[in-house]
PDB file of all heavy atoms in Angstrom:
ATOM      1  N   ILE A   1      25.242   4.910  -4.890  1.00  0.00           N
ATOM      2  CA  ILE A   1      26.507   5.556  -4.340  1.00  0.00           C
ATOM      3  C   ILE A   1      26.559   5.343  -2.853  1.00  0.00           C
ATOM      4  O   ILE A   1      27.596   5.095  -2.295  1.00  0.00           O
ATOM      5  CB  ILE A   1      26.533   7.001  -4.798  1.00  0.00           C
ATOM      6  CG1 ILE A   1      26.616   7.116  -6.304  1.00  0.00           C
ATOM      7  CG2 ILE A   1      27.722   7.708  -4.141  1.00  0.00           C
ATOM      8  CD1 ILE A   1      26.566   8.538  -6.819  1.00  0.00           C
ATOM      9  N   THR A   2      25.441   5.619  -2.173  1.00  0.00           N
ATOM     10  CA  THR A   2      25.325   5.407  -0.745  1.00  0.00           C
ATOM     11  C   THR A   2      23.925   4.875  -0.489  1.00  0.00           C
ATOM     12  O   THR A   2      23.094   4.806  -1.418  1.00  0.00           O
ATOM     13  CB  THR A   2      25.536   6.701   0.036  1.00  0.00           C
ATOM     14  OG1 THR A   2      25.556   6.489   1.383  1.00  0.00           O
ATOM     15  CG2 THR A   2      24.491   7.780  -0.340  1.00  0.00           C
ATOM     16  N   THR A   3      23.642   4.487   0.711  1.00  0.00           N
ATOM     17  CA  THR A   3      22.362   3.936   1.016  1.00  0.00           C
ATOM     18  C   THR A   3      21.287   4.946   0.786  1.00  0.00           C
ATOM     19  O   THR A   3      21.282   6.077   1.362  1.00  0.00           O
ATOM     20  CB  THR A   3      22.304   3.469   2.502  1.00  0.00           C
ATOM     21  OG1 THR A   3      23.372   2.584   2.736  1.00  0.00           O
ATOM     22  CG2 THR A   3      21.006   2.777   2.808  1.00  0.00           C
ATOM     23  N   GLU A   4      20.350   4.657  -0.112  1.00  0.00           N
ATOM     24  CA  GLU A   4      19.369   5.589  -0.639  1.00  0.00           C
ATOM     25  C   GLU A   4      18.107   5.772   0.209  1.00  0.00           C
ATOM     26  O   GLU A   4      17.409   6.695   0.050  1.00  0.00           O
ATOM     27  CB  GLU A   4      19.039   5.217  -2.100  1.00  0.00           C
ATOM     28  CG  GLU A   4      20.163   5.328  -3.031  1.00  0.00           C
ATOM     29  CD  GLU A   4      19.844   4.841  -4.434  1.00  0.00           C
ATOM     30  OE1 GLU A   4      18.766   4.191  -4.582  1.00  0.00           O
ATOM     31  OE2 GLU A   4      20.632   5.079  -5.354  1.00  0.00           O
ATOM     32  N   GLY A   5      17.835   4.835   1.085  1.00  0.00           N
ATOM     33  CA  GLY A   5      16.668   4.965   1.941  1.00  0.00           C
ATOM     34  C   GLY A   5      16.663   3.892   2.970  1.00  0.00           C
ATOM     35  O   GLY A   5      17.645   3.129   3.114  1.00  0.00           O
ATOM     36  N   GLY A   6      15.620   3.856   3.747  1.00  0.00           N
ATOM     37  CA  GLY A   6      15.528   2.841   4.799  1.00  0.00           C
ATOM     38  C   GLY A   6      15.187   1.460   4.233  1.00  0.00           C
ATOM     39  O   GLY A   6      14.736   1.309   3.160  1.00  0.00           O
ATOM     40  N   LEU A   7      15.379   0.470   5.072  1.00  0.00           N
ATOM     41  CA  LEU A   7      14.995  -0.895   4.770  1.00  0.00           C
ATOM     42  C   LEU A   7      13.461  -0.999   4.735  1.00  0.00           C
ATOM     43  O   LEU A   7      12.819  -0.540   5.726  1.00  0.00           O
ATOM     44  CB  LEU A   7      15.588  -1.809   5.863  1.00  0.00           C
ATOM     45  CG  LEU A   7      15.419  -3.329   5.641  1.00  0.00           C
ATOM     46  CD1 LEU A   7      16.192  -3.842   4.446  1.00  0.00           C
ATOM     47  CD2 LEU A   7      15.925  -4.087   6.888  1.00  0.00           C
ATOM     48  N   ASP A   8      12.887  -1.569   3.731  1.00  0.00           N
ATOM     49  CA  ASP A   8      11.476  -1.732   3.623  1.00  0.00           C
ATOM     50  C   ASP A   8      11.087  -3.003   4.342  1.00  0.00           C
ATOM     51  O   ASP A   8      10.829  -4.074   3.699  1.00  0.00           O
ATOM     52  CB  ASP A   8      11.038  -1.752   2.185  1.00  0.00           C
ATOM     53  CG  ASP A   8       9.485  -1.625   1.985  1.00  0.00           C
ATOM     54  OD1 ASP A   8       8.805  -1.765   2.976  1.00  0.00           O
ATOM     55  OD2 ASP A   8       9.059  -1.438   0.873  1.00  0.00           O
ATOM     56  N   VAL A   9      10.987  -2.924   5.631  1.00  0.00           N
ATOM     57  CA  VAL A   9      10.583  -4.095   6.460  1.00  0.00           C
ATOM     58  C   VAL A   9       9.156  -4.446   6.216  1.00  0.00           C
ATOM     59  O   VAL A   9       8.824  -5.662   6.202  1.00  0.00           O
ATOM     60  CB  VAL A   9      10.827  -3.783   7.970  1.00  0.00           C
ATOM     61  CG1 VAL A   9      10.520  -5.028   8.775  1.00  0.00           C
ATOM     62  CG2 VAL A   9      12.288  -3.383   8.179  1.00  0.00           C
ATOM     63  N   TYR A  10       8.355  -3.485   6.016  1.00  0.00           N
ATOM     64  CA  TYR A  10       6.962  -3.768   5.765  1.00  0.00           C
ATOM     65  C   TYR A  10       6.682  -4.642   4.587  1.00  0.00           C
ATOM     66  O   TYR A  10       5.912  -5.582   4.631  1.00  0.00           O
ATOM     67  CB  TYR A  10       6.213  -2.411   5.567  1.00  0.00           C
ATOM     68  CG  TYR A  10       4.712  -2.492   5.387  1.00  0.00           C
ATOM     69  CD1 TYR A  10       3.833  -2.732   6.434  1.00  0.00           C
ATOM     70  CD2 TYR A  10       4.276  -2.424   4.092  1.00  0.00           C
ATOM     71  CE1 TYR A  10       2.429  -2.850   6.151  1.00  0.00           C
ATOM     72  CE2 TYR A  10       2.843  -2.547   3.819  1.00  0.00           C
ATOM     73  CZ  TYR A  10       1.950  -2.715   4.862  1.00  0.00           C
ATOM     74  OH  TYR A  10       0.645  -2.816   4.642  1.00  0.00           O
ATOM     75  N   ALA A  11       7.420  -4.447   3.486  1.00  0.00           N
ATOM     76  CA  ALA A  11       7.246  -5.209   2.282  1.00  0.00           C
ATOM     77  C   ALA A  11       7.975  -6.556   2.253  1.00  0.00           C
ATOM     78  O   ALA A  11       7.622  -7.447   1.520  1.00  0.00           O
ATOM     79  CB  ALA A  11       7.670  -4.390   1.080  1.00  0.00           C
ATOM     80  N   HIS A  12       9.067  -6.597   3.075  1.00  0.00           N
ATOM     81  CA  HIS A  12       9.921  -7.759   3.115  1.00  0.00           C
ATOM     82  C   HIS A  12      10.053  -8.362   4.496  1.00  0.00           C
ATOM     83  O   HIS A  12      11.117  -8.804   4.886  1.00  0.00           O
ATOM     84  CB  HIS A  12      11.282  -7.415   2.494  1.00  0.00           C
ATOM     85  CG  HIS A  12      11.278  -6.831   1.169  1.00  0.00           C
ATOM     86  ND1 HIS A  12      11.329  -5.475   0.907  1.00  0.00           N
ATOM     87  CD2 HIS A  12      11.122  -7.402  -0.073  1.00  0.00           C
ATOM     88  CE1 HIS A  12      11.314  -5.234  -0.352  1.00  0.00           C
ATOM     89  NE2 HIS A  12      11.158  -6.373  -0.989  1.00  0.00           N
ATOM     90  N   LYS A  13       8.932  -8.415   5.201  1.00  0.00           N
ATOM     91  CA  LYS A  13       8.911  -8.823   6.579  1.00  0.00           C
ATOM     92  C   LYS A  13       9.428 -10.215   6.781  1.00  0.00           C
ATOM     93  O   LYS A  13      10.171 -10.485   7.751  1.00  0.00           O
ATOM     94  CB  LYS A  13       7.538  -8.645   7.177  1.00  0.00           C
ATOM     95  CG  LYS A  13       7.494  -8.675   8.711  1.00  0.00           C
ATOM     96  CD  LYS A  13       6.070  -8.515   9.210  1.00  0.00           C
ATOM     97  CE  LYS A  13       5.464  -7.156   8.734  1.00  0.00           C
ATOM     98  NZ  LYS A  13       4.070  -6.973   9.167  1.00  0.00           N
ATOM     99  N   ASP A  14       9.059 -11.125   5.941  1.00  0.00           N
ATOM    100  CA  ASP A  14       9.463 -12.538   6.168  1.00  0.00           C
ATOM    101  C   ASP A  14      10.980 -12.715   6.047  1.00  0.00           C
ATOM    102  O   ASP A  14      11.598 -13.416   6.849  1.00  0.00           O
ATOM    103  CB  ASP A  14       8.748 -13.483   5.150  1.00  0.00           C
ATOM    104  CG  ASP A  14       7.261 -13.585   5.443  1.00  0.00           C
ATOM    105  OD1 ASP A  14       6.859 -13.250   6.590  1.00  0.00           O
ATOM    106  OD2 ASP A  14       6.466 -13.966   4.548  1.00  0.00           O
ATOM    107  N   SER A  15      11.553 -12.112   5.009  1.00  0.00           N
ATOM    108  CA  SER A  15      13.000 -12.284   4.848  1.00  0.00           C
ATOM    109  C   SER A  15      13.798 -11.571   5.934  1.00  0.00           C
ATOM    110  O   SER A  15      14.816 -12.090   6.407  1.00  0.00           O
ATOM    111  CB  SER A  15      13.455 -11.765   3.475  1.00  0.00           C
ATOM    112  OG  SER A  15      13.191 -10.417   3.312  1.00  0.00           O
ATOM    113  N   VAL A  16      13.311 -10.374   6.332  1.00  0.00           N
ATOM    114  CA  VAL A  16      13.975  -9.657   7.424  1.00  0.00           C
ATOM    115  C   VAL A  16      13.815 -10.402   8.699  1.00  0.00           C
ATOM    116  O   VAL A  16      14.732 -10.537   9.590  1.00  0.00           O
ATOM    117  CB  VAL A  16      13.452  -8.246   7.542  1.00  0.00           C
ATOM    118  CG1 VAL A  16      14.077  -7.520   8.711  1.00  0.00           C
ATOM    119  CG2 VAL A  16      13.722  -7.450   6.272  1.00  0.00           C
ATOM    120  N   ARG A  17      12.626 -11.015   8.904  1.00  0.00           N
ATOM    121  CA  ARG A  17      12.411 -11.792  10.106  1.00  0.00           C
ATOM    122  C   ARG A  17      13.444 -12.949  10.253  1.00  0.00           C
ATOM    123  O   ARG A  17      13.906 -13.207  11.383  1.00  0.00           O
ATOM    124  CB  ARG A  17      10.983 -12.407  10.133  1.00  0.00           C
ATOM    125  CG  ARG A  17      10.489 -13.069  11.415  1.00  0.00           C
ATOM    126  CD  ARG A  17       9.287 -13.829  11.265  1.00  0.00           C
ATOM    127  NE  ARG A  17       8.197 -13.061  10.608  1.00  0.00           N
ATOM    128  CZ  ARG A  17       7.407 -12.297  11.289  1.00  0.00           C
ATOM    129  NH1 ARG A  17       7.515 -12.202  12.610  1.00  0.00           N
ATOM    130  NH2 ARG A  17       6.460 -11.689  10.649  1.00  0.00           N
ATOM    131  N   GLU A  18      13.741 -13.602   9.145  1.00  0.00           N
ATOM    132  CA  GLU A  18      14.741 -14.691   9.172  1.00  0.00           C
ATOM    133  C   GLU A  18      16.103 -14.200   9.636  1.00  0.00           C
ATOM    134  O   GLU A  18      16.788 -14.790  10.442  1.00  0.00           O
ATOM    135  CB  GLU A  18      14.829 -15.343   7.790  1.00  0.00           C
ATOM    136  CG  GLU A  18      13.633 -16.131   7.369  1.00  0.00           C
ATOM    137  CD  GLU A  18      13.768 -16.727   6.025  1.00  0.00           C
ATOM    138  OE1 GLU A  18      14.917 -16.701   5.458  1.00  0.00           O
ATOM    139  OE2 GLU A  18      12.817 -17.263   5.470  1.00  0.00           O
ATOM    140  N   ALA A  19      16.504 -13.020   9.121  1.00  0.00           N
ATOM    141  CA  ALA A  19      17.752 -12.410   9.513  1.00  0.00           C
ATOM    142  C   ALA A  19      17.787 -12.072  10.975  1.00  0.00           C
ATOM    143  O   ALA A  19      18.760 -12.301  11.668  1.00  0.00           O
ATOM    144  CB  ALA A  19      18.108 -11.227   8.608  1.00  0.00           C
ATOM    145  N   VAL A  20      16.719 -11.443  11.439  1.00  0.00           N
ATOM    146  CA  VAL A  20      16.643 -11.029  12.834  1.00  0.00           C
ATOM    147  C   VAL A  20      16.680 -12.220  13.729  1.00  0.00           C
ATOM    148  O   VAL A  20      17.386 -12.246  14.760  1.00  0.00           O
ATOM    149  CB  VAL A  20      15.321 -10.154  13.066  1.00  0.00           C
ATOM    150  CG1 VAL A  20      15.126 -10.000  14.571  1.00  0.00           C
ATOM    151  CG2 VAL A  20      15.383  -8.861  12.328  1.00  0.00           C
ATOM    152  N   ALA A  21      15.931 -13.324  13.350  1.00  0.00           N
ATOM    153  CA  ALA A  21      16.001 -14.511  14.202  1.00  0.00           C
ATOM    154  C   ALA A  21      17.383 -15.110  14.240  1.00  0.00           C
ATOM    155  O   ALA A  21      17.823 -15.591  15.330  1.00  0.00           O
ATOM    156  CB  ALA A  21      14.962 -15.536  13.655  1.00  0.00           C
ATOM    157  N   ARG A  22      18.074 -15.107  13.135  1.00  0.00           N
ATOM    158  CA  ARG A  22      19.470 -15.719  13.093  1.00  0.00           C
ATOM    159  C   ARG A  22      20.370 -14.940  14.028  1.00  0.00           C
ATOM    160  O   ARG A  22      21.158 -15.485  14.754  1.00  0.00           O
ATOM    161  CB  ARG A  22      19.996 -15.767  11.668  1.00  0.00           C
ATOM    162  CG  ARG A  22      21.380 -16.281  11.577  1.00  0.00           C
ATOM    163  CD  ARG A  22      21.398 -17.789  11.797  1.00  0.00           C
ATOM    164  NE  ARG A  22      22.764 -18.327  11.751  1.00  0.00           N
ATOM    165  CZ  ARG A  22      23.510 -18.472  12.831  1.00  0.00           C
ATOM    166  NH1 ARG A  22      23.121 -18.072  14.062  1.00  0.00           N
ATOM    167  NH2 ARG A  22      24.743 -19.015  12.707  1.00  0.00           N
ATOM    168  N   LEU A  23      20.310 -13.608  13.952  1.00  0.00           N
ATOM    169  CA  LEU A  23      21.153 -12.781  14.766  1.00  0.00           C
ATOM    170  C   LEU A  23      20.760 -12.852  16.239  1.00  0.00           C
ATOM    171  O   LEU A  23      21.667 -12.927  17.092  1.00  0.00           O
ATOM    172  CB  LEU A  23      21.052 -11.311  14.264  1.00  0.00           C
ATOM    173  CG  LEU A  23      21.583 -11.098  12.836  1.00  0.00           C
ATOM    174  CD1 LEU A  23      21.154  -9.713  12.303  1.00  0.00           C
ATOM    175  CD2 LEU A  23      23.091 -11.249  12.754  1.00  0.00           C
ATOM    176  N   HIS A  24      19.469 -12.883  16.551  1.00  0.00           N
ATOM    177  CA  HIS A  24      19.065 -13.022  17.931  1.00  0.00           C
ATOM    178  C   HIS A  24      19.444 -14.352  18.484  1.00  0.00           C
ATOM    179  O   HIS A  24      19.865 -14.431  19.734  1.00  0.00           O
ATOM    180  CB  HIS A  24      17.508 -12.804  18.012  1.00  0.00           C
ATOM    181  CG  HIS A  24      17.130 -11.352  18.114  1.00  0.00           C
ATOM    182  ND1 HIS A  24      15.799 -10.992  17.983  1.00  0.00           N
ATOM    183  CD2 HIS A  24      17.861 -10.237  18.346  1.00  0.00           C
ATOM    184  CE1 HIS A  24      15.732  -9.645  18.075  1.00  0.00           C
ATOM    185  NE2 HIS A  24      16.917  -9.189  18.288  1.00  0.00           N
TER     186      HIS A  24
END
């Protein structure tokens, strides 16, 4: 219904890293 929790960066660091790099 709404965002249920925070982004699990610890478990998905590689995929989040790609997004951060693209935005930066």
